[in-house]
Amino acid sequence: MFTDLVVDLTNFTNLSMGAKSNNLKNLKNKLVDWINLPESICLPFQVMEYAVAVCDPIGSQKLDRLMDKLGRTTNHTKMSVRLLRAK
């Protein structure tokens, strides 16, 4: 479970952030001083699900069912159709 709702770039880790966030952190460490990377924040894993559950319990149940369905879907076309229907 997460300990912070929002994390700044200096605290991104593989345990709480996705690949894109961690790639930004790695890029920032490799840039020369005169190239500025915009400030970044990230929502750790499970923060969105937590917020939906608190604000909209029925929506949270729908999200859980959709995630279960998507987890069982192996065909990318079917997954795309299910995501489009979820809107």
Foldseek 3Di string as FASTA:
>chain_A
DDDDQKAWLVPDDPVWDDPVSVVLSVVVVPDDPVDDDDTDMDGTPPSVLVVCCVPPVVVSVVVVVLVVVLVPDDDPVVNVVSVVVVD
